[in-house]
Every structure is written in structure tokens, then in C-alpha cells.
Amino acid sequence: MGEGLSLEEAIVGGANNGADAHVPYMMFLPEPGMWKLDAYVDEKLFGTVFVKVHKK
């Protein structure tokens, strides 16, 4: 198993929607399609999420 990362010392918000903690943000994806979002913590890749954006 890969190296684990802890967010315990990061400045984050409290529990939200079932999560232990959260970081509020807004995002704008300007075009429909499949978007790959990479999450970094301390300049290390923490994980990847794929988001399918539909036309309005």
C-alpha cells in the first residue's frame, strides 16, 4: 500500500455532509466533457477525481 497522508494538521473546516472535515471552495469548468481533477497536499498527489460536465 502507498504512503498515507494526514490532513489533521491542515487548516480545514469542521464536519460537513458526512465528512470529518472539509475545505470550502468554488470551481468553474468552462466546457462540457470529462475533466480530470488532481488533488495535491504538500505538493504530493493525494488523489484524482473525474467529473463529467454536461451542457446547460
N, C-alpha and C. Protein backbone atom coordinates (compact mmCIF):
# COMPACT_ATOMS: atom_id res chain seq x y z
N MET A 1 0.84 -1.18 0.00
CA MET A 1 0.00 0.00 0.00
C MET A 1 0.88 1.24 0.00
N GLY A 2 0.44 2.32 -0.67
CA GLY A 2 1.23 3.54 -0.78
C GLY A 2 1.31 4.32 0.52
N GLU A 3 2.12 5.34 0.49
CA GLU A 3 2.32 6.19 1.66
C GLU A 3 1.04 6.95 1.96
N GLY A 4 0.63 7.00 3.23
CA GLY A 4 -0.57 7.73 3.63
C GLY A 4 -0.25 9.17 3.97
N LEU A 5 -1.22 10.03 3.79
CA LEU A 5 -1.09 11.43 4.14
C LEU A 5 -2.15 11.78 5.17
N SER A 6 -1.82 12.61 6.12
CA SER A 6 -2.75 13.02 7.15
C SER A 6 -3.09 14.49 6.99
N LEU A 7 -4.37 14.81 7.03
CA LEU A 7 -4.81 16.19 6.93
C LEU A 7 -5.10 16.79 8.30
N GLU A 8 -4.73 16.07 9.36
CA GLU A 8 -5.06 16.50 10.71
C GLU A 8 -4.46 17.86 11.06
N GLU A 9 -3.29 18.19 10.54
CA GLU A 9 -2.64 19.44 10.89
C GLU A 9 -2.97 20.58 9.93
N ALA A 10 -3.68 20.29 8.85
CA ALA A 10 -4.04 21.32 7.88
C ALA A 10 -5.20 22.16 8.43
N ILE A 11 -5.31 23.37 7.94
CA ILE A 11 -6.41 24.24 8.35
C ILE A 11 -7.60 23.93 7.45
N VAL A 12 -8.58 23.25 8.02
CA VAL A 12 -9.78 22.87 7.27
C VAL A 12 -11.00 23.19 8.12
N GLY A 13 -12.16 23.17 7.47
CA GLY A 13 -13.41 23.38 8.19
C GLY A 13 -13.81 22.12 8.94
N GLY A 14 -14.84 22.21 9.73
CA GLY A 14 -15.33 21.08 10.52
C GLY A 14 -16.08 20.07 9.67
N ALA A 15 -16.78 19.18 10.35
CA ALA A 15 -17.55 18.13 9.68
C ALA A 15 -18.59 18.74 8.74
N ASN A 16 -18.81 18.06 7.61
CA ASN A 16 -19.77 18.55 6.62
C ASN A 16 -20.29 17.40 5.78
N ASN A 17 -21.59 17.20 5.78
CA ASN A 17 -22.24 16.22 4.89
C ASN A 17 -21.63 14.83 5.00
N GLY A 18 -21.34 14.40 6.22
CA GLY A 18 -20.79 13.07 6.44
C GLY A 18 -19.28 13.00 6.44
N ALA A 19 -18.60 14.05 6.02
CA ALA A 19 -17.13 14.07 6.02
C ALA A 19 -16.64 14.54 7.39
N ASP A 20 -15.45 14.09 7.79
CA ASP A 20 -14.86 14.52 9.06
C ASP A 20 -14.48 16.00 9.03
N ALA A 21 -14.04 16.47 7.87
CA ALA A 21 -13.62 17.86 7.70
C ALA A 21 -13.77 18.21 6.23
N HIS A 22 -13.71 19.51 5.93
CA HIS A 22 -13.85 19.94 4.54
C HIS A 22 -13.10 21.24 4.31
N VAL A 23 -12.85 21.52 3.04
CA VAL A 23 -12.24 22.78 2.63
C VAL A 23 -13.20 23.40 1.62
N PRO A 24 -13.89 24.48 2.00
CA PRO A 24 -14.84 25.08 1.06
C PRO A 24 -14.13 25.74 -0.11
N TYR A 25 -14.67 25.59 -1.29
CA TYR A 25 -14.11 26.20 -2.48
C TYR A 25 -15.18 26.26 -3.55
N MET A 26 -14.94 27.04 -4.58
CA MET A 26 -15.81 27.07 -5.75
C MET A 26 -14.96 26.75 -6.97
N MET A 27 -15.58 26.19 -7.97
CA MET A 27 -14.86 25.77 -9.14
C MET A 27 -15.71 26.07 -10.37
N PHE A 28 -15.08 26.47 -11.46
CA PHE A 28 -15.76 26.74 -12.71
C PHE A 28 -15.11 25.90 -13.79
N LEU A 29 -15.89 25.04 -14.41
CA LEU A 29 -15.41 24.21 -15.52
C LEU A 29 -16.08 24.76 -16.78
N PRO A 30 -15.34 25.46 -17.64
CA PRO A 30 -15.93 26.26 -18.70
C PRO A 30 -16.55 25.50 -19.88
N GLU A 31 -16.24 24.22 -20.03
CA GLU A 31 -16.75 23.48 -21.17
C GLU A 31 -17.25 22.11 -20.73
N PRO A 32 -18.29 21.59 -21.42
CA PRO A 32 -18.75 20.24 -21.11
C PRO A 32 -17.69 19.21 -21.51
N GLY A 33 -17.77 18.06 -20.89
CA GLY A 33 -16.84 16.98 -21.20
C GLY A 33 -16.35 16.32 -19.92
N MET A 34 -15.37 15.45 -20.05
CA MET A 34 -14.79 14.75 -18.91
C MET A 34 -13.58 15.55 -18.44
N TRP A 35 -13.59 15.91 -17.16
CA TRP A 35 -12.49 16.68 -16.56
C TRP A 35 -11.78 15.82 -15.53
N LYS A 36 -10.47 15.87 -15.53
CA LYS A 36 -9.65 15.16 -14.54
C LYS A 36 -9.15 16.20 -13.54
N LEU A 37 -9.47 16.01 -12.27
CA LEU A 37 -9.06 16.92 -11.21
C LEU A 37 -8.08 16.20 -10.29
N ASP A 38 -6.87 16.71 -10.19
CA ASP A 38 -5.86 16.13 -9.31
C ASP A 38 -5.80 16.94 -8.02
N ALA A 39 -5.84 16.26 -6.89
CA ALA A 39 -5.75 16.92 -5.58
C ALA A 39 -4.34 16.72 -5.02
N TYR A 40 -3.71 17.82 -4.64
CA TYR A 40 -2.36 17.79 -4.09
C TYR A 40 -2.37 18.26 -2.65
N VAL A 41 -1.58 17.62 -1.82
CA VAL A 41 -1.36 18.02 -0.43
C VAL A 41 0.15 18.10 -0.25
N ASP A 42 0.62 19.25 0.18
CA ASP A 42 2.07 19.46 0.34
C ASP A 42 2.83 19.07 -0.93
N GLU A 43 2.30 19.48 -2.07
CA GLU A 43 2.91 19.25 -3.38
C GLU A 43 3.01 17.77 -3.77
N LYS A 44 2.26 16.90 -3.08
CA LYS A 44 2.22 15.47 -3.42
C LYS A 44 0.81 15.13 -3.89
N LEU A 45 0.71 14.33 -4.95
CA LEU A 45 -0.59 13.92 -5.45
C LEU A 45 -1.30 13.09 -4.40
N PHE A 46 -2.48 13.55 -3.98
CA PHE A 46 -3.26 12.86 -2.95
C PHE A 46 -4.30 11.95 -3.59
N GLY A 47 -4.86 12.38 -4.72
CA GLY A 47 -5.86 11.57 -5.40
C GLY A 47 -6.36 12.28 -6.65
N THR A 48 -7.16 11.56 -7.42
CA THR A 48 -7.70 12.08 -8.67
C THR A 48 -9.19 11.81 -8.70
N VAL A 49 -9.93 12.82 -9.22
CA VAL A 49 -11.39 12.68 -9.39
C VAL A 49 -11.70 13.03 -10.82
N PHE A 50 -12.58 12.26 -11.44
CA PHE A 50 -13.06 12.56 -12.79
C PHE A 50 -14.48 13.08 -12.67
N VAL A 51 -14.75 14.20 -13.37
CA VAL A 51 -16.05 14.84 -13.31
C VAL A 51 -16.59 14.98 -14.73
N LYS A 52 -17.80 14.48 -14.95
CA LYS A 52 -18.44 14.63 -16.26
C LYS A 52 -19.32 15.87 -16.22
N VAL A 53 -19.00 16.87 -17.04
CA VAL A 53 -19.73 18.12 -17.07
C VAL A 53 -20.68 18.09 -18.29
N HIS A 54 -21.96 18.36 -18.02
CA HIS A 54 -22.98 18.37 -19.08
C HIS A 54 -23.25 19.78 -19.54
N LYS A 55 -23.67 19.92 -20.79
CA LYS A 55 -24.05 21.22 -21.34
C LYS A 55 -25.31 21.69 -20.63
N LYS A 56 -25.40 22.98 -20.35
CA LYS A 56 -26.58 23.56 -19.67
C LYS A 56 -27.82 23.44 -20.50
